Amino acid sequence: MREKFKAGDKVDFVNDAGILFRGFRVKARDKEHENQKRYFLEGSDTPWYSFKEENLYPAGTYVPKNMDITLKNGKIAKFLYYDENYNKIFSAIDTDGFPFNMVYVDGIMHSYSLYGEPSFPLKESCQPVVK
């Protein structure tokens, strides 16, 4: 099994939510996980924890995927961030030209409350185009 990284390589880590963490160096391969390539990283807050190879990229090479969504009204909902519950938060422009935030939960776009929670399902024209 050929290893993608070796000790000393500079890498960036992208967690499963797509958040990028920069500035690590490979310390060693984790030999305890023979069926899965994992590495220990220098500079990590958790030096005892190994990271999956699929989440590591040579430093400076990671290109995030576009997570924007086209709505049925033809507008684009721009991905902003994941909230504490890993819901996707988007920004869009309403019909009067004002920006507002929305949250995508279980395949339905909702308004996003001031308390950081999904409020009400948005009207059909503000739902994502299903491909």
N, C-alpha and C. Protein backbone atom coordinates (compact mmCIF):
# COMPACT_ATOMS: atom_id res chain seq x y z
N MET A 1 0.84 -1.18 0.00
CA MET A 1 0.00 0.00 0.00
C MET A 1 0.88 1.25 0.00
N ARG A 2 0.84 2.01 -1.06
CA ARG A 2 1.69 3.20 -1.17
C ARG A 2 1.09 4.34 -0.36
N GLU A 3 1.96 5.02 0.38
CA GLU A 3 1.51 6.13 1.21
C GLU A 3 1.59 7.43 0.42
N LYS A 4 0.59 8.27 0.60
CA LYS A 4 0.52 9.55 -0.10
C LYS A 4 1.47 10.57 0.54
N PHE A 5 1.68 10.44 1.87
CA PHE A 5 2.50 11.40 2.59
C PHE A 5 3.60 10.67 3.36
N LYS A 6 4.67 11.42 3.64
CA LYS A 6 5.75 10.88 4.46
C LYS A 6 6.06 11.89 5.56
N ALA A 7 6.77 11.45 6.58
CA ALA A 7 7.13 12.33 7.69
C ALA A 7 7.82 13.58 7.16
N GLY A 8 7.37 14.73 7.67
CA GLY A 8 7.94 16.01 7.26
C GLY A 8 7.14 16.76 6.22
N ASP A 9 6.23 16.08 5.51
CA ASP A 9 5.41 16.75 4.50
C ASP A 9 4.49 17.77 5.16
N LYS A 10 4.35 18.94 4.52
CA LYS A 10 3.41 19.96 4.98
C LYS A 10 2.05 19.65 4.38
N VAL A 11 1.02 19.67 5.25
CA VAL A 11 -0.33 19.33 4.80
C VAL A 11 -1.37 20.28 5.40
N ASP A 12 -2.52 20.30 4.76
CA ASP A 12 -3.71 20.97 5.28
C ASP A 12 -4.74 19.89 5.55
N PHE A 13 -5.57 20.11 6.56
CA PHE A 13 -6.61 19.15 6.95
C PHE A 13 -7.97 19.75 6.65
N VAL A 14 -8.86 18.97 6.04
CA VAL A 14 -10.24 19.38 5.78
C VAL A 14 -11.13 18.39 6.50
N ASN A 15 -11.93 18.89 7.47
CA ASN A 15 -12.79 17.96 8.22
C ASN A 15 -13.98 17.54 7.36
N ASP A 16 -14.79 16.63 7.89
CA ASP A 16 -15.90 16.08 7.11
C ASP A 16 -16.98 17.12 6.80
N ALA A 17 -16.97 18.25 7.49
CA ALA A 17 -17.91 19.33 7.20
C ALA A 17 -17.36 20.29 6.16
N GLY A 18 -16.13 20.05 5.69
CA GLY A 18 -15.54 20.90 4.66
C GLY A 18 -14.78 22.10 5.18
N ILE A 19 -14.49 22.13 6.48
CA ILE A 19 -13.75 23.24 7.08
C ILE A 19 -12.26 22.98 6.94
N LEU A 20 -11.53 23.96 6.44
CA LEU A 20 -10.10 23.84 6.17
C LEU A 20 -9.28 24.31 7.36
N PHE A 21 -8.30 23.49 7.74
CA PHE A 21 -7.33 23.84 8.78
C PHE A 21 -5.95 23.73 8.16
N ARG A 22 -5.18 24.82 8.20
CA ARG A 22 -3.89 24.87 7.53
C ARG A 22 -2.72 24.72 8.51
N GLY A 23 -1.58 24.41 7.94
CA GLY A 23 -0.32 24.53 8.67
C GLY A 23 0.10 23.36 9.52
N PHE A 24 -0.08 22.15 9.03
CA PHE A 24 0.36 20.97 9.77
C PHE A 24 1.55 20.34 9.05
N ARG A 25 2.23 19.48 9.78
CA ARG A 25 3.32 18.70 9.21
C ARG A 25 3.10 17.24 9.63
N VAL A 26 3.27 16.33 8.67
CA VAL A 26 3.11 14.91 8.98
C VAL A 26 4.22 14.49 9.93
N LYS A 27 3.81 13.88 11.03
CA LYS A 27 4.78 13.38 12.02
C LYS A 27 5.11 11.91 11.74
N ALA A 28 4.06 11.10 11.55
CA ALA A 28 4.27 9.67 11.30
C ALA A 28 2.98 9.03 10.80
N ARG A 29 3.11 7.88 10.18
CA ARG A 29 1.96 7.07 9.78
C ARG A 29 1.46 6.33 11.01
N ASP A 30 0.15 6.22 11.15
CA ASP A 30 -0.45 5.47 12.25
C ASP A 30 -0.47 4.00 11.86
N LYS A 31 0.35 3.20 12.51
CA LYS A 31 0.49 1.77 12.18
C LYS A 31 -0.65 0.93 12.75
N GLU A 32 -1.44 1.48 13.69
CA GLU A 32 -2.54 0.74 14.31
C GLU A 32 -3.72 0.56 13.36
N HIS A 33 -3.81 1.37 12.34
CA HIS A 33 -4.93 1.31 11.39
C HIS A 33 -4.42 0.83 10.03
N GLU A 34 -4.07 -0.41 9.95
CA GLU A 34 -3.49 -0.96 8.71
C GLU A 34 -4.48 -0.93 7.54
N ASN A 35 -5.78 -1.07 7.82
CA ASN A 35 -6.77 -1.10 6.73
C ASN A 35 -7.17 0.30 6.26
N GLN A 36 -6.70 1.32 6.96
CA GLN A 36 -7.04 2.70 6.59
C GLN A 36 -5.79 3.57 6.80
N LYS A 37 -5.41 4.30 5.78
CA LYS A 37 -4.22 5.15 5.90
C LYS A 37 -4.54 6.36 6.76
N ARG A 38 -3.81 6.47 7.87
CA ARG A 38 -3.99 7.57 8.82
C ARG A 38 -2.62 8.10 9.23
N TYR A 39 -2.58 9.39 9.59
CA TYR A 39 -1.32 10.03 9.93
C TYR A 39 -1.46 10.87 11.20
N PHE A 40 -0.38 10.91 11.98
CA PHE A 40 -0.30 11.84 13.11
C PHE A 40 0.30 13.14 12.58
N LEU A 41 -0.23 14.27 13.08
CA LEU A 41 0.19 15.57 12.57
C LEU A 41 0.83 16.43 13.66
N GLU A 42 1.96 17.03 13.33
CA GLU A 42 2.57 18.02 14.21
C GLU A 42 1.76 19.30 14.09
N GLY A 43 1.55 19.97 15.21
CA GLY A 43 0.77 21.21 15.21
C GLY A 43 -0.69 20.98 15.53
N SER A 44 -1.10 19.73 15.66
CA SER A 44 -2.48 19.41 15.99
C SER A 44 -2.72 19.61 17.48
N ASP A 45 -3.95 20.01 17.83
CA ASP A 45 -4.34 20.12 19.24
C ASP A 45 -4.57 18.75 19.86
N THR A 46 -4.62 17.72 19.01
CA THR A 46 -4.85 16.35 19.48
C THR A 46 -3.74 15.44 18.93
N PRO A 47 -2.53 15.53 19.49
CA PRO A 47 -1.40 14.77 18.94
C PRO A 47 -1.55 13.26 19.04
N TRP A 48 -2.44 12.77 19.88
CA TRP A 48 -2.68 11.33 20.02
C TRP A 48 -3.65 10.80 18.96
N TYR A 49 -4.32 11.69 18.24
CA TYR A 49 -5.34 11.32 17.27
C TYR A 49 -4.72 11.33 15.87
N SER A 50 -4.99 10.29 15.10
CA SER A 50 -4.50 10.26 13.71
C SER A 50 -5.61 10.69 12.76
N PHE A 51 -5.21 11.25 11.64
CA PHE A 51 -6.13 11.82 10.66
C PHE A 51 -6.15 10.97 9.39
N LYS A 52 -7.36 10.78 8.83
CA LYS A 52 -7.52 9.98 7.62
C LYS A 52 -6.81 10.66 6.45
N GLU A 53 -6.16 9.85 5.63
CA GLU A 53 -5.45 10.36 4.46
C GLU A 53 -6.38 11.12 3.53
N GLU A 54 -7.63 10.66 3.41
CA GLU A 54 -8.57 11.31 2.49
C GLU A 54 -8.92 12.73 2.91
N ASN A 55 -8.62 13.11 4.17
CA ASN A 55 -8.89 14.46 4.66
C ASN A 55 -7.65 15.35 4.61
N LEU A 56 -6.55 14.83 4.11
CA LEU A 56 -5.30 15.60 4.06
C LEU A 56 -4.96 15.98 2.62
N TYR A 57 -4.42 17.18 2.47
CA TYR A 57 -4.03 17.68 1.16
C TYR A 57 -2.65 18.30 1.28
N PRO A 58 -1.81 18.17 0.25
CA PRO A 58 -0.54 18.89 0.30
C PRO A 58 -0.82 20.37 0.56
N ALA A 59 -0.02 20.98 1.40
CA ALA A 59 -0.25 22.37 1.83
C ALA A 59 -0.53 23.29 0.64
N GLY A 60 -1.63 24.05 0.75
CA GLY A 60 -1.98 25.05 -0.25
C GLY A 60 -2.68 24.54 -1.49
N THR A 61 -3.01 23.25 -1.56
CA THR A 61 -3.60 22.71 -2.79
C THR A 61 -5.11 22.47 -2.71
N TYR A 62 -5.70 22.55 -1.54
CA TYR A 62 -7.13 22.25 -1.40
C TYR A 62 -7.98 23.33 -2.06
N VAL A 63 -8.92 22.89 -2.90
CA VAL A 63 -9.88 23.79 -3.54
C VAL A 63 -11.27 23.37 -3.07
N PRO A 64 -11.94 24.23 -2.29
CA PRO A 64 -13.27 23.84 -1.78
C PRO A 64 -14.28 23.72 -2.92
N LYS A 65 -15.21 22.78 -2.75
CA LYS A 65 -16.25 22.63 -3.74
C LYS A 65 -17.28 23.75 -3.57
N ASN A 66 -17.93 24.10 -4.64
CA ASN A 66 -18.95 25.14 -4.61
C ASN A 66 -20.22 24.54 -4.00
N MET A 67 -20.68 25.11 -2.91
CA MET A 67 -21.85 24.57 -2.22
C MET A 67 -23.08 25.48 -2.38
N ASP A 68 -23.00 26.45 -3.31
CA ASP A 68 -24.14 27.31 -3.57
C ASP A 68 -25.28 26.49 -4.19
N ILE A 69 -26.51 26.96 -4.01
CA ILE A 69 -27.69 26.24 -4.50
C ILE A 69 -28.51 27.18 -5.39
N THR A 70 -28.94 26.67 -6.53
CA THR A 70 -29.85 27.42 -7.39
C THR A 70 -31.28 27.19 -6.88
N LEU A 71 -32.00 28.29 -6.72
CA LEU A 71 -33.38 28.21 -6.25
C LEU A 71 -34.34 28.20 -7.43
N LYS A 72 -35.56 27.77 -7.19
CA LYS A 72 -36.56 27.69 -8.26
C LYS A 72 -36.92 29.05 -8.85
N ASN A 73 -36.67 30.12 -8.11
CA ASN A 73 -36.93 31.47 -8.64
C ASN A 73 -35.77 31.97 -9.49
N GLY A 74 -34.76 31.12 -9.71
CA GLY A 74 -33.63 31.47 -10.56
C GLY A 74 -32.48 32.14 -9.81
N LYS A 75 -32.67 32.47 -8.56
CA LYS A 75 -31.61 33.11 -7.78
C LYS A 75 -30.68 32.05 -7.20
N ILE A 76 -29.52 32.52 -6.77
CA ILE A 76 -28.51 31.64 -6.19
C ILE A 76 -28.45 31.88 -4.69
N ALA A 77 -28.57 30.81 -3.91
CA ALA A 77 -28.37 30.89 -2.46
C ALA A 77 -26.91 30.58 -2.21
N LYS A 78 -26.17 31.55 -1.67
CA LYS A 78 -24.73 31.43 -1.45
C LYS A 78 -24.47 30.74 -0.11
N PHE A 79 -23.69 29.65 -0.15
CA PHE A 79 -23.34 28.95 1.09
C PHE A 79 -22.48 29.87 1.95
N LEU A 80 -22.83 29.97 3.25
CA LEU A 80 -22.07 30.79 4.19
C LEU A 80 -21.24 29.96 5.15
N TYR A 81 -21.90 29.02 5.84
CA TYR A 81 -21.21 28.23 6.86
C TYR A 81 -22.13 27.13 7.36
N TYR A 82 -21.57 26.23 8.15
CA TYR A 82 -22.34 25.22 8.87
C TYR A 82 -22.62 25.77 10.26
N ASP A 83 -23.85 25.60 10.75
CA ASP A 83 -24.13 26.02 12.13
C ASP A 83 -23.69 24.91 13.08
N GLU A 84 -23.95 25.10 14.37
CA GLU A 84 -23.48 24.13 15.38
C GLU A 84 -24.13 22.76 15.25
N ASN A 85 -25.23 22.67 14.50
CA ASN A 85 -25.89 21.39 14.25
C ASN A 85 -25.55 20.81 12.87
N TYR A 86 -24.54 21.39 12.22
CA TYR A 86 -24.09 21.00 10.88
C TYR A 86 -25.15 21.22 9.82
N ASN A 87 -26.09 22.14 10.07
CA ASN A 87 -27.02 22.57 9.03
C ASN A 87 -26.30 23.57 8.14
N LYS A 88 -26.60 23.55 6.86
CA LYS A 88 -25.99 24.49 5.91
C LYS A 88 -26.76 25.81 5.95
N ILE A 89 -26.04 26.90 6.17
CA ILE A 89 -26.62 28.24 6.21
C ILE A 89 -26.26 28.95 4.91
N PHE A 90 -27.27 29.55 4.28
CA PHE A 90 -27.10 30.24 3.01
C PHE A 90 -27.58 31.67 3.13
N SER A 91 -27.10 32.50 2.22
CA SER A 91 -27.58 33.87 2.10
C SER A 91 -28.20 34.01 0.72
N ALA A 92 -29.30 34.74 0.66
CA ALA A 92 -29.98 34.97 -0.62
C ALA A 92 -30.54 36.38 -0.61
N ILE A 93 -31.04 36.81 -1.74
CA ILE A 93 -31.64 38.14 -1.89
C ILE A 93 -33.14 37.94 -2.08
N ASP A 94 -33.95 38.64 -1.27
CA ASP A 94 -35.40 38.50 -1.42
C ASP A 94 -35.90 39.34 -2.59
N THR A 95 -37.19 39.30 -2.85
CA THR A 95 -37.77 39.98 -4.01
C THR A 95 -37.67 41.49 -3.91
N ASP A 96 -37.48 42.03 -2.70
CA ASP A 96 -37.32 43.48 -2.54
C ASP A 96 -35.85 43.90 -2.58
N GLY A 97 -34.95 42.95 -2.81
CA GLY A 97 -33.53 43.26 -2.93
C GLY A 97 -32.76 43.21 -1.62
N PHE A 98 -33.37 42.70 -0.57
CA PHE A 98 -32.69 42.63 0.72
C PHE A 98 -32.12 41.23 0.96
N PRO A 99 -30.90 41.16 1.51
CA PRO A 99 -30.33 39.84 1.81
C PRO A 99 -30.97 39.25 3.06
N PHE A 100 -31.05 37.94 3.10
CA PHE A 100 -31.53 37.25 4.30
C PHE A 100 -30.87 35.88 4.35
N ASN A 101 -30.81 35.30 5.53
CA ASN A 101 -30.22 33.98 5.69
C ASN A 101 -31.30 32.92 5.72
N MET A 102 -30.94 31.74 5.23
CA MET A 102 -31.84 30.60 5.22
C MET A 102 -31.04 29.37 5.58
N VAL A 103 -31.74 28.33 5.99
CA VAL A 103 -31.09 27.09 6.41
C VAL A 103 -31.72 25.92 5.65
N TYR A 104 -30.88 25.00 5.22
CA TYR A 104 -31.31 23.83 4.45
C TYR A 104 -31.35 22.64 5.40
N VAL A 105 -32.56 22.15 5.70
CA VAL A 105 -32.75 21.05 6.64
C VAL A 105 -33.64 19.98 6.01
N ASP A 106 -33.15 18.77 5.96
CA ASP A 106 -33.92 17.63 5.44
C ASP A 106 -34.51 17.89 4.06
N GLY A 107 -33.73 18.53 3.19
CA GLY A 107 -34.17 18.76 1.82
C GLY A 107 -35.12 19.92 1.63
N ILE A 108 -35.34 20.72 2.68
CA ILE A 108 -36.27 21.86 2.59
C ILE A 108 -35.56 23.11 3.10
N MET A 109 -35.70 24.21 2.35
CA MET A 109 -35.11 25.49 2.74
C MET A 109 -36.07 26.19 3.70
N HIS A 110 -35.53 26.62 4.84
CA HIS A 110 -36.30 27.32 5.88
C HIS A 110 -35.73 28.71 6.11
N SER A 111 -36.56 29.58 6.68
CA SER A 111 -36.02 30.84 7.17
C SER A 111 -35.16 30.51 8.39
N TYR A 112 -34.23 31.40 8.70
CA TYR A 112 -33.29 31.17 9.80
C TYR A 112 -33.55 32.21 10.86
N SER A 113 -33.92 31.77 12.05
CA SER A 113 -34.34 32.70 13.10
C SER A 113 -33.16 33.46 13.70
N LEU A 114 -33.47 34.51 14.43
CA LEU A 114 -32.44 35.28 15.14
C LEU A 114 -31.77 34.44 16.22
N TYR A 115 -32.42 33.35 16.60
CA TYR A 115 -31.88 32.46 17.63
C TYR A 115 -31.04 31.33 17.03
N GLY A 116 -30.79 31.40 15.74
CA GLY A 116 -29.96 30.40 15.08
C GLY A 116 -30.63 29.07 14.88
N GLU A 117 -31.94 29.08 14.60
CA GLU A 117 -32.69 27.85 14.39
C GLU A 117 -33.56 27.98 13.14
N PRO A 118 -33.88 26.84 12.50
CA PRO A 118 -34.83 26.90 11.39
C PRO A 118 -36.18 27.39 11.88
N SER A 119 -36.81 28.29 11.13
CA SER A 119 -38.12 28.80 11.53
C SER A 119 -39.22 28.14 10.72
N PHE A 120 -39.49 28.68 9.55
CA PHE A 120 -40.60 28.20 8.72
C PHE A 120 -40.10 27.80 7.35
N PRO A 121 -40.70 26.77 6.74
CA PRO A 121 -40.34 26.43 5.37
C PRO A 121 -40.61 27.63 4.46
N LEU A 122 -39.71 27.90 3.54
CA LEU A 122 -39.89 29.00 2.60
C LEU A 122 -40.83 28.58 1.48
N LYS A 123 -41.39 29.58 0.79
CA LYS A 123 -42.32 29.29 -0.30
C LYS A 123 -41.63 28.49 -1.40
N GLU A 124 -42.40 27.87 -2.23
CA GLU A 124 -41.90 26.95 -3.25
C GLU A 124 -40.84 27.59 -4.15
N SER A 125 -41.01 28.87 -4.51
CA SER A 125 -40.04 29.52 -5.40
C SER A 125 -38.68 29.68 -4.75
N CYS A 126 -38.59 29.58 -3.44
CA CYS A 126 -37.32 29.69 -2.72
C CYS A 126 -36.74 28.33 -2.33
N GLN A 127 -37.31 27.27 -2.86
CA GLN A 127 -36.78 25.93 -2.62
C GLN A 127 -35.74 25.60 -3.69
N PRO A 128 -34.80 24.71 -3.36
CA PRO A 128 -33.75 24.36 -4.33
C PRO A 128 -34.30 23.66 -5.57
N VAL A 129 -33.63 23.89 -6.69
CA VAL A 129 -33.91 23.15 -7.91
C VAL A 129 -33.33 21.76 -7.70
N VAL A 130 -34.13 20.74 -7.89
CA VAL A 130 -33.68 19.36 -7.73
C VAL A 130 -33.20 18.86 -9.07
N LYS A 131 -31.97 18.38 -9.09
CA LYS A 131 -31.39 17.91 -10.37
C LYS A 131 -31.48 16.42 -10.47
